[in-house]
Amino acid sequence: MTHFKIFDNGGETADRYTLINKDREIFGFDNNPFSPTGFGQYCGDVPKNMTTFEHLGTEIKLKDLSGEAQKFVNERI
């Protein structure tokens, strides 16, 4: 796995985006993760035997996120 991966499930859930960082930590978040009505939290670690992530949505780039979502990711990678 590269330094980190971001997935977008197209808005199917409140935690639209999923970040997996180099330590294999998982974070779920939306476009406003620092807002009281937003979502941004640690969700656990990727199981060692998990190698595919299609169920999380489409892989996207950091630049595809809102400014607040980019800040959330940058603080966790």
PDB file of N, CA and C in Angstrom:
ATOM      1  N   MET A   1       0.857  -1.191   0.000  1.00  0.00           N
ATOM      2  CA  MET A   1       0.000   0.000   0.000  1.00  0.00           C
ATOM      3  C   MET A   1       0.891   1.239   0.000  1.00  0.00           C
ATOM      4  N   THR A   2       0.446   2.279  -0.694  1.00  0.00           N
ATOM      5  CA  THR A   2       1.174   3.536  -0.712  1.00  0.00           C
ATOM      6  C   THR A   2       1.047   4.229   0.638  1.00  0.00           C
ATOM      7  N   HIS A   3       1.492   5.436   0.726  1.00  0.00           N
ATOM      8  CA  HIS A   3       1.486   6.212   1.969  1.00  0.00           C
ATOM      9  C   HIS A   3       0.098   6.271   2.612  1.00  0.00           C
ATOM     10  N   PHE A   4      -0.935   6.463   1.785  1.00  0.00           N
ATOM     11  CA  PHE A   4      -2.313   6.460   2.283  1.00  0.00           C
ATOM     12  C   PHE A   4      -3.266   6.279   1.106  1.00  0.00           C
ATOM     13  N   LYS A   5      -4.489   5.889   1.419  1.00  0.00           N
ATOM     14  CA  LYS A   5      -5.546   5.741   0.407  1.00  0.00           C
ATOM     15  C   LYS A   5      -6.807   6.410   0.925  1.00  0.00           C
ATOM     16  N   ILE A   6      -7.559   7.030   0.015  1.00  0.00           N
ATOM     17  CA  ILE A   6      -8.832   7.650   0.341  1.00  0.00           C
ATOM     18  C   ILE A   6      -9.889   7.046  -0.581  1.00  0.00           C
ATOM     19  N   PHE A   7     -11.023   6.682  -0.001  1.00  0.00           N
ATOM     20  CA  PHE A   7     -12.115   6.104  -0.774  1.00  0.00           C
ATOM     21  C   PHE A   7     -13.370   6.946  -0.590  1.00  0.00           C
ATOM     22  N   ASP A   8     -14.202   6.999  -1.621  1.00  0.00           N
ATOM     23  CA  ASP A   8     -15.452   7.754  -1.627  1.00  0.00           C
ATOM     24  C   ASP A   8     -16.579   6.784  -1.977  1.00  0.00           C
ATOM     25  N   ASN A   9     -17.551   6.664  -1.062  1.00  0.00           N
ATOM     26  CA  ASN A   9     -18.669   5.753  -1.341  1.00  0.00           C
ATOM     27  C   ASN A   9     -19.844   6.474  -2.015  1.00  0.00           C
ATOM     28  N   GLY A  10     -19.601   7.703  -2.475  1.00  0.00           N
ATOM     29  CA  GLY A  10     -20.628   8.432  -3.210  1.00  0.00           C
ATOM     30  C   GLY A  10     -21.745   8.997  -2.354  1.00  0.00           C
ATOM     31  N   GLY A  11     -21.562   9.027  -1.052  1.00  0.00           N
ATOM     32  CA  GLY A  11     -22.574   9.576  -0.161  1.00  0.00           C
ATOM     33  C   GLY A  11     -23.576   8.561   0.347  1.00  0.00           C
ATOM     34  N   GLU A  12     -23.271   7.285   0.223  1.00  0.00           N
ATOM     35  CA  GLU A  12     -24.184   6.242   0.703  1.00  0.00           C
ATOM     36  C   GLU A  12     -24.330   6.244   2.223  1.00  0.00           C
ATOM     37  N   THR A  13     -23.319   6.760   2.937  1.00  0.00           N
ATOM     38  CA  THR A  13     -23.339   6.790   4.401  1.00  0.00           C
ATOM     39  C   THR A  13     -22.871   8.152   4.904  1.00  0.00           C
ATOM     40  N   ALA A  14     -23.084   8.425   6.184  1.00  0.00           N
ATOM     41  CA  ALA A  14     -22.652   9.696   6.783  1.00  0.00           C
ATOM     42  C   ALA A  14     -21.137   9.841   6.702  1.00  0.00           C
ATOM     43  N   ASP A  15     -20.433   8.744   6.817  1.00  0.00           N
ATOM     44  CA  ASP A  15     -18.975   8.774   6.677  1.00  0.00           C
ATOM     45  C   ASP A  15     -18.612   8.447   5.231  1.00  0.00           C
ATOM     46  N   ARG A  16     -18.935   9.378   4.368  1.00  0.00           N
ATOM     47  CA  ARG A  16     -18.780   9.190   2.912  1.00  0.00           C
ATOM     48  C   ARG A  16     -17.369   8.758   2.523  1.00  0.00           C
ATOM     49  N   TYR A  17     -16.379   9.327   3.190  1.00  0.00           N
ATOM     50  CA  TYR A  17     -14.985   9.065   2.843  1.00  0.00           C
ATOM     51  C   TYR A  17     -14.322   8.165   3.879  1.00  0.00           C
ATOM     52  N   THR A  18     -13.373   7.369   3.394  1.00  0.00           N
ATOM     53  CA  THR A  18     -12.579   6.521   4.279  1.00  0.00           C
ATOM     54  C   THR A  18     -11.114   6.753   3.963  1.00  0.00           C
ATOM     55  N   LEU A  19     -10.335   7.005   5.006  1.00  0.00           N
ATOM     56  CA  LEU A  19      -8.888   7.142   4.895  1.00  0.00           C
ATOM     57  C   LEU A  19      -8.247   5.915   5.515  1.00  0.00           C
ATOM     58  N   ILE A  20      -7.293   5.336   4.817  1.00  0.00           N
ATOM     59  CA  ILE A  20      -6.437   4.299   5.391  1.00  0.00           C
ATOM     60  C   ILE A  20      -5.022   4.843   5.303  1.00  0.00           C
ATOM     61  N   ASN A  21      -4.386   5.052   6.463  1.00  0.00           N
ATOM     62  CA  ASN A  21      -3.047   5.636   6.447  1.00  0.00           C
ATOM     63  C   ASN A  21      -1.969   4.550   6.427  1.00  0.00           C
ATOM     64  N   LYS A  22      -0.697   4.979   6.440  1.00  0.00           N
ATOM     65  CA  LYS A  22       0.421   4.037   6.327  1.00  0.00           C
ATOM     66  C   LYS A  22       0.488   3.062   7.490  1.00  0.00           C
ATOM     67  N   ASP A  23      -0.093   3.427   8.631  1.00  0.00           N
ATOM     68  CA  ASP A  23      -0.129   2.539   9.794  1.00  0.00           C
ATOM     69  C   ASP A  23      -1.340   1.607   9.766  1.00  0.00           C
ATOM     70  N   ARG A  24      -2.090   1.662   8.658  1.00  0.00           N
ATOM     71  CA  ARG A  24      -3.290   0.846   8.427  1.00  0.00           C
ATOM     72  C   ARG A  24      -4.414   1.195   9.406  1.00  0.00           C
ATOM     73  N   GLU A  25      -4.414   2.455   9.862  1.00  0.00           N
ATOM     74  CA  GLU A  25      -5.513   2.964  10.670  1.00  0.00           C
ATOM     75  C   GLU A  25      -6.606   3.448   9.722  1.00  0.00           C
ATOM     76  N   ILE A  26      -7.857   3.252  10.122  1.00  0.00           N
ATOM     77  CA  ILE A  26      -9.008   3.633   9.310  1.00  0.00           C
ATOM     78  C   ILE A  26      -9.704   4.824   9.957  1.00  0.00           C
ATOM     79  N   PHE A  27     -10.026   5.829   9.142  1.00  0.00           N
ATOM     80  CA  PHE A  27     -10.783   6.992   9.595  1.00  0.00           C
ATOM     81  C   PHE A  27     -11.944   7.210   8.640  1.00  0.00           C
ATOM     82  N   GLY A  28     -13.118   7.425   9.173  1.00  0.00           N
ATOM     83  CA  GLY A  28     -14.279   7.781   8.383  1.00  0.00           C
ATOM     84  C   GLY A  28     -14.534   9.268   8.543  1.00  0.00           C
ATOM     85  N   PHE A  29     -14.958   9.937   7.456  1.00  0.00           N
ATOM     86  CA  PHE A  29     -15.204  11.378   7.547  1.00  0.00           C
ATOM     87  C   PHE A  29     -16.092  11.842   6.407  1.00  0.00           C
ATOM     88  N   ASP A  30     -16.585  13.074   6.556  1.00  0.00           N
ATOM     89  CA  ASP A  30     -17.384  13.696   5.507  1.00  0.00           C
ATOM     90  C   ASP A  30     -16.710  14.990   5.075  1.00  0.00           C
ATOM     91  N   ASN A  31     -17.411  15.851   4.333  1.00  0.00           N
ATOM     92  CA  ASN A  31     -16.821  17.102   3.849  1.00  0.00           C
ATOM     93  C   ASN A  31     -16.573  18.130   4.945  1.00  0.00           C
ATOM     94  N   ASN A  32     -17.214  17.972   6.100  1.00  0.00           N
ATOM     95  CA  ASN A  32     -17.069  18.927   7.205  1.00  0.00           C
ATOM     96  C   ASN A  32     -16.733  18.198   8.502  1.00  0.00           C
ATOM     97  N   PRO A  33     -15.601  17.496   8.558  1.00  0.00           N
ATOM     98  CA  PRO A  33     -15.301  16.642   9.707  1.00  0.00           C
ATOM     99  C   PRO A  33     -15.064  17.383  11.025  1.00  0.00           C
ATOM    100  N   PHE A  34     -14.833  18.693  10.989  1.00  0.00           N
ATOM    101  CA  PHE A  34     -14.603  19.456  12.216  1.00  0.00           C
ATOM    102  C   PHE A  34     -15.866  20.163  12.713  1.00  0.00           C
ATOM    103  N   SER A  35     -16.938  20.088  11.948  1.00  0.00           N
ATOM    104  CA  SER A  35     -18.196  20.726  12.307  1.00  0.00           C
ATOM    105  C   SER A  35     -18.927  19.893  13.362  1.00  0.00           C
ATOM    106  N   PRO A  36     -19.674  20.551  14.262  1.00  0.00           N
ATOM    107  CA  PRO A  36     -20.479  19.792  15.225  1.00  0.00           C
ATOM    108  C   PRO A  36     -21.503  18.878  14.549  1.00  0.00           C
ATOM    109  N   THR A  37     -21.890  19.206  13.323  1.00  0.00           N
ATOM    110  CA  THR A  37     -22.837  18.354  12.607  1.00  0.00           C
ATOM    111  C   THR A  37     -22.146  17.473  11.561  1.00  0.00           C
ATOM    112  N   GLY A  38     -20.828  17.540  11.518  1.00  0.00           N
ATOM    113  CA  GLY A  38     -20.059  16.735  10.573  1.00  0.00           C
ATOM    114  C   GLY A  38     -19.645  15.408  11.187  1.00  0.00           C
ATOM    115  N   PHE A  39     -18.837  14.671  10.444  1.00  0.00           N
ATOM    116  CA  PHE A  39     -18.373  13.367  10.898  1.00  0.00           C
ATOM    117  C   PHE A  39     -16.896  13.227  10.589  1.00  0.00           C
ATOM    118  N   GLY A  40     -16.130  12.789  11.565  1.00  0.00           N
ATOM    119  CA  GLY A  40     -14.713  12.515  11.389  1.00  0.00           C
ATOM    120  C   GLY A  40     -14.194  11.764  12.600  1.00  0.00           C
ATOM    121  N   GLN A  41     -13.931  10.461  12.429  1.00  0.00           N
ATOM    122  CA  GLN A  41     -13.453   9.698  13.584  1.00  0.00           C
ATOM    123  C   GLN A  41     -12.644   8.479  13.183  1.00  0.00           C
ATOM    124  N   TYR A  42     -11.835   8.038  14.132  1.00  0.00           N
ATOM    125  CA  TYR A  42     -11.060   6.809  14.001  1.00  0.00           C
ATOM    126  C   TYR A  42     -12.027   5.635  14.047  1.00  0.00           C
ATOM    127  N   CYS A  43     -11.822   4.667  13.167  1.00  0.00           N
ATOM    128  CA  CYS A  43     -12.758   3.538  13.065  1.00  0.00           C
ATOM    129  C   CYS A  43     -12.094   2.185  13.310  1.00  0.00           C
ATOM    130  N   GLY A  44     -10.826   2.167  13.661  1.00  0.00           N
ATOM    131  CA  GLY A  44     -10.135   0.904  13.911  1.00  0.00           C
ATOM    132  C   GLY A  44      -8.974   0.722  12.954  1.00  0.00           C
ATOM    133  N   ASP A  45      -8.434  -0.485  12.953  1.00  0.00           N
ATOM    134  CA  ASP A  45      -7.300  -0.817  12.096  1.00  0.00           C
ATOM    135  C   ASP A  45      -7.730  -1.828  11.038  1.00  0.00           C
ATOM    136  N   VAL A  46      -7.063  -1.775   9.901  1.00  0.00           N
ATOM    137  CA  VAL A  46      -7.329  -2.724   8.819  1.00  0.00           C
ATOM    138  C   VAL A  46      -6.824  -4.096   9.264  1.00  0.00           C
ATOM    139  N   PRO A  47      -7.654  -5.118   9.183  1.00  0.00           N
ATOM    140  CA  PRO A  47      -7.170  -6.472   9.504  1.00  0.00           C
ATOM    141  C   PRO A  47      -5.991  -6.842   8.603  1.00  0.00           C
ATOM    142  N   LYS A  48      -5.014  -7.523   9.163  1.00  0.00           N
ATOM    143  CA  LYS A  48      -3.807  -7.871   8.415  1.00  0.00           C
ATOM    144  C   LYS A  48      -4.094  -8.673   7.148  1.00  0.00           C
ATOM    145  N   ASN A  49      -5.160  -9.462   7.147  1.00  0.00           N
ATOM    146  CA  ASN A  49      -5.458 -10.285   5.980  1.00  0.00           C
ATOM    147  C   ASN A  49      -6.289  -9.561   4.918  1.00  0.00           C
ATOM    148  N   MET A  50      -6.698  -8.326   5.173  1.00  0.00           N
ATOM    149  CA  MET A  50      -7.499  -7.576   4.196  1.00  0.00           C
ATOM    150  C   MET A  50      -6.575  -6.899   3.199  1.00  0.00           C
ATOM    151  N   THR A  51      -6.771  -7.184   1.933  1.00  0.00           N
ATOM    152  CA  THR A  51      -5.918  -6.609   0.889  1.00  0.00           C
ATOM    153  C   THR A  51      -6.711  -5.851  -0.177  1.00  0.00           C
ATOM    154  N   THR A  52      -8.020  -5.991  -0.202  1.00  0.00           N
ATOM    155  CA  THR A  52      -8.838  -5.262  -1.161  1.00  0.00           C
ATOM    156  C   THR A  52      -9.808  -4.356  -0.417  1.00  0.00           C
ATOM    157  N   PHE A  53     -10.147  -3.251  -1.058  1.00  0.00           N
ATOM    158  CA  PHE A  53     -10.952  -2.239  -0.378  1.00  0.00           C
ATOM    159  C   PHE A  53     -12.113  -1.740  -1.229  1.00  0.00           C
ATOM    160  N   GLU A  54     -12.491  -2.485  -2.264  1.00  0.00           N
ATOM    161  CA  GLU A  54     -13.556  -2.051  -3.170  1.00  0.00           C
ATOM    162  C   GLU A  54     -14.857  -1.750  -2.437  1.00  0.00           C
ATOM    163  N   HIS A  55     -15.096  -2.431  -1.334  1.00  0.00           N
ATOM    164  CA  HIS A  55     -16.337  -2.225  -0.587  1.00  0.00           C
ATOM    165  C   HIS A  55     -16.421  -0.830   0.032  1.00  0.00           C
ATOM    166  N   LEU A  56     -15.295  -0.096   0.052  1.00  0.00           N
ATOM    167  CA  LEU A  56     -15.274   1.249   0.620  1.00  0.00           C
ATOM    168  C   LEU A  56     -15.620   2.314  -0.410  1.00  0.00           C
ATOM    169  N   GLY A  57     -15.716   1.941  -1.664  1.00  0.00           N
ATOM    170  CA  GLY A  57     -16.030   2.886  -2.721  1.00  0.00           C
ATOM    171  C   GLY A  57     -14.888   3.018  -3.699  1.00  0.00           C
ATOM    172  N   THR A  58     -14.891   4.134  -4.399  1.00  0.00           N
ATOM    173  CA  THR A  58     -13.889   4.428  -5.421  1.00  0.00           C
ATOM    174  C   THR A  58     -12.715   5.161  -4.791  1.00  0.00           C
ATOM    175  N   GLU A  59     -11.502   4.761  -5.145  1.00  0.00           N
ATOM    176  CA  GLU A  59     -10.331   5.473  -4.634  1.00  0.00           C
ATOM    177  C   GLU A  59     -10.245   6.849  -5.294  1.00  0.00           C
ATOM    178  N   ILE A  60      -9.989   7.865  -4.474  1.00  0.00           N
ATOM    179  CA  ILE A  60      -9.878   9.241  -4.959  1.00  0.00           C
ATOM    180  C   ILE A  60      -8.571   9.848  -4.482  1.00  0.00           C
ATOM    181  N   LYS A  61      -8.273  11.032  -4.985  1.00  0.00           N
ATOM    182  CA  LYS A  61      -7.064  11.756  -4.593  1.00  0.00           C
ATOM    183  C   LYS A  61      -7.398  12.806  -3.535  1.00  0.00           C
ATOM    184  N   LEU A  62      -6.406  13.180  -2.764  1.00  0.00           N
ATOM    185  CA  LEU A  62      -6.572  14.189  -1.715  1.00  0.00           C
ATOM    186  C   LEU A  62      -7.162  15.476  -2.288  1.00  0.00           C
ATOM    187  N   LYS A  63      -6.725  15.882  -3.459  1.00  0.00           N
ATOM    188  CA  LYS A  63      -7.190  17.140  -4.061  1.00  0.00           C
ATOM    189  C   LYS A  63      -8.674  17.120  -4.409  1.00  0.00           C
ATOM    190  N   ASP A  64      -9.280  15.938  -4.438  1.00  0.00           N
ATOM    191  CA  ASP A  64     -10.703  15.816  -4.755  1.00  0.00           C
ATOM    192  C   ASP A  64     -11.605  16.168  -3.567  1.00  0.00           C
ATOM    193  N   LEU A  65     -11.023  16.323  -2.391  1.00  0.00           N
ATOM    194  CA  LEU A  65     -11.789  16.597  -1.167  1.00  0.00           C
ATOM    195  C   LEU A  65     -11.956  18.089  -0.916  1.00  0.00           C
ATOM    196  N   SER A  66     -12.935  18.432  -0.090  1.00  0.00           N
ATOM    197  CA  SER A  66     -13.104  19.818   0.350  1.00  0.00           C
ATOM    198  C   SER A  66     -11.877  20.230   1.166  1.00  0.00           C
ATOM    199  N   GLY A  67     -11.708  21.518   1.373  1.00  0.00           N
ATOM    200  CA  GLY A  67     -10.578  22.016   2.161  1.00  0.00           C
ATOM    201  C   GLY A  67     -10.551  21.446   3.570  1.00  0.00           C
ATOM    202  N   GLU A  68     -11.701  21.396   4.225  1.00  0.00           N
ATOM    203  CA  GLU A  68     -11.767  20.864   5.590  1.00  0.00           C
ATOM    204  C   GLU A  68     -11.456  19.370   5.614  1.00  0.00           C
ATOM    205  N   ALA A  69     -11.933  18.645   4.620  1.00  0.00           N
ATOM    206  CA  ALA A  69     -11.644  17.208   4.553  1.00  0.00           C
ATOM    207  C   ALA A  69     -10.156  16.980   4.277  1.00  0.00           C
ATOM    208  N   GLN A  70      -9.547  17.815   3.448  1.00  0.00           N
ATOM    209  CA  GLN A  70      -8.110  17.699   3.197  1.00  0.00           C
ATOM    210  C   GLN A  70      -7.322  17.935   4.493  1.00  0.00           C
ATOM    211  N   LYS A  71      -7.740  18.930   5.258  1.00  0.00           N
ATOM    212  CA  LYS A  71      -7.087  19.208   6.538  1.00  0.00           C
ATOM    213  C   LYS A  71      -7.194  17.997   7.460  1.00  0.00           C
ATOM    214  N   PHE A  72      -8.366  17.382   7.527  1.00  0.00           N
ATOM    215  CA  PHE A  72      -8.589  16.186   8.353  1.00  0.00           C
ATOM    216  C   PHE A  72      -7.618  15.077   7.958  1.00  0.00           C
ATOM    217  N   VAL A  73      -7.499  14.839   6.654  1.00  0.00           N
ATOM    218  CA  VAL A  73      -6.585  13.794   6.169  1.00  0.00           C
ATOM    219  C   VAL A  73      -5.150  14.149   6.504  1.00  0.00           C
ATOM    220  N   ASN A  74      -4.732  15.376   6.214  1.00  0.00           N
ATOM    221  CA  ASN A  74      -3.347  15.777   6.453  1.00  0.00           C
ATOM    222  C   ASN A  74      -2.937  15.644   7.914  1.00  0.00           C
ATOM    223  N   GLU A  75      -3.864  15.805   8.819  1.00  0.00           N
ATOM    224  CA  GLU A  75      -3.555  15.658  10.247  1.00  0.00           C
ATOM    225  C   GLU A  75      -3.413  14.188  10.662  1.00  0.00           C
ATOM    226  N   ARG A  76      -3.766  13.262   9.766  1.00  0.00           N
ATOM    227  CA  ARG A  76      -3.779  11.837  10.120  1.00  0.00           C
ATOM    228  C   ARG A  76      -2.835  10.985   9.274  1.00  0.00           C
ATOM    229  N   ILE A  77      -2.141  11.599   8.332  1.00  0.00           N
ATOM    230  CA  ILE A  77      -1.210  10.816   7.517  1.00  0.00           C
ATOM    231  C   ILE A  77       0.224  11.029   7.958  1.00  0.00           C
TER     232      ILE A  77
END
